[in-house]
Structure formats: structure tokens, C-alpha cells
Amino acid sequence: MPVIYVCRVCGFKLYEFERVGQDYFGVPTPSEVINWYGGVCPKCNSKLNRPSLEDVIIKPLRKTSYTRVLALH
């Protein structure tokens, strides 16, 4: 199941975790992604905040798999 972190304001894709084994550390936390960018979206310069439960969107990709999108702002 892919996990995608996006800016809530402009929709810029901050990070995408596609599969297990993609990297050694696994899925980063929202706080880690925010720290990578210094707390600011590189595209629209809006402040990034930790997502609430309402910001988590689960969408079907195919018939049997789903993706999770976390909006940070």
C-alpha cells in the first residue's frame, strides 16, 4: 500500500513510499517529512503541520489495493 505525503495547500508530493524494501528505514513519520523540508512546502512556501485524522485519505488504487494520502498543513 503506497503512502504519499502531500502539501494540503498546493498538492505538491513531498514523499511517496511505494513498497516494502524501498529503503532501509521504512515509512517516515509526518514529523520526519516536515523536518526534511524545514517545515515549509518547497513549491508554495506554506507552513507544513502534522496531519489530523481528517487529513488521512484512503483511496482504492486497483481492485485489491489501496493508497493512503496524508495532507500536511
Protein backbone atom coordinates (compact mmCIF):
# COMPACT_ATOMS: atom_id res chain seq x y z
CA MET A 1 0.00 0.00 0.00
CA PRO A 2 1.65 3.28 -1.07
CA VAL A 3 1.80 6.14 1.43
CA ILE A 4 2.01 9.61 -0.10
CA TYR A 5 2.69 12.83 1.80
CA VAL A 6 1.33 15.92 0.01
CA CYS A 7 1.01 19.63 0.79
CA ARG A 8 -2.60 20.41 1.66
CA VAL A 9 -2.42 23.87 0.03
CA CYS A 10 -0.88 23.13 -3.40
CA GLY A 11 -0.93 19.32 -3.61
CA PHE A 12 2.86 19.04 -4.10
CA LYS A 13 4.03 15.46 -3.49
CA LEU A 14 6.51 15.70 -0.61
CA TYR A 15 7.28 11.97 -0.34
CA GLU A 16 5.95 8.69 -1.70
CA PHE A 17 6.57 5.30 -0.09
CA GLU A 18 5.67 2.71 -2.73
CA ARG A 19 6.71 -0.67 -1.37
CA VAL A 20 8.40 -2.53 1.47
CA GLY A 21 12.13 -2.66 0.90
CA GLN A 22 12.19 0.74 -0.83
CA ASP A 23 14.68 1.94 1.77
CA TYR A 24 16.21 0.74 5.00
CA PHE A 25 14.12 2.86 7.38
CA GLY A 26 10.59 2.19 6.11
CA VAL A 27 7.73 4.70 6.09
CA PRO A 28 8.81 8.06 7.55
CA THR A 29 6.63 9.80 10.12
CA PRO A 30 4.92 13.08 9.21
CA SER A 31 7.33 14.88 11.54
CA GLU A 32 10.33 13.46 9.66
CA VAL A 33 8.96 14.62 6.30
CA ILE A 34 8.24 18.08 7.73
CA ASN A 35 11.82 18.29 9.06
CA TRP A 36 13.29 17.31 5.67
CA TYR A 37 11.72 20.43 4.17
CA GLY A 38 12.36 22.74 7.13
CA GLY A 39 8.64 22.95 7.89
CA VAL A 40 7.84 24.74 4.61
CA CYS A 41 6.45 23.42 1.32
CA PRO A 42 9.14 23.87 -1.38
CA LYS A 43 6.55 24.70 -4.03
CA CYS A 44 4.16 27.17 -2.36
CA ASN A 45 6.12 28.14 0.81
CA SER A 46 3.17 27.37 3.10
CA LYS A 47 3.87 26.07 6.60
CA LEU A 48 3.67 22.28 6.99
CA ASN A 49 1.98 20.88 10.11
CA ARG A 50 1.32 17.38 11.37
CA PRO A 51 -1.86 15.89 9.86
CA SER A 52 -5.01 15.22 11.85
CA LEU A 53 -7.20 12.16 11.36
CA GLU A 54 -9.39 14.13 8.95
CA ASP A 55 -6.33 14.69 6.72
CA VAL A 56 -5.77 10.96 6.14
CA ILE A 57 -7.42 9.89 2.87
CA ILE A 58 -7.57 6.26 1.81
CA LYS A 59 -8.25 5.71 -1.89
CA PRO A 60 -8.51 2.49 -3.92
CA LEU A 61 -5.74 2.12 -6.49
CA ARG A 62 -6.90 -1.09 -8.06
CA LYS A 63 -9.47 -3.68 -7.23
CA THR A 64 -7.44 -5.18 -4.36
CA SER A 65 -5.01 -2.48 -3.19
CA TYR A 66 -5.36 0.92 -1.54
CA THR A 67 -3.23 4.02 -1.06
CA ARG A 68 -3.01 6.35 1.90
CA VAL A 69 -2.54 10.08 1.31
CA LEU A 70 -1.53 12.32 4.21
CA ALA A 71 -2.01 16.04 3.71
CA LEU A 72 0.49 18.10 5.67
CA HIS A 73 -0.50 21.63 6.59
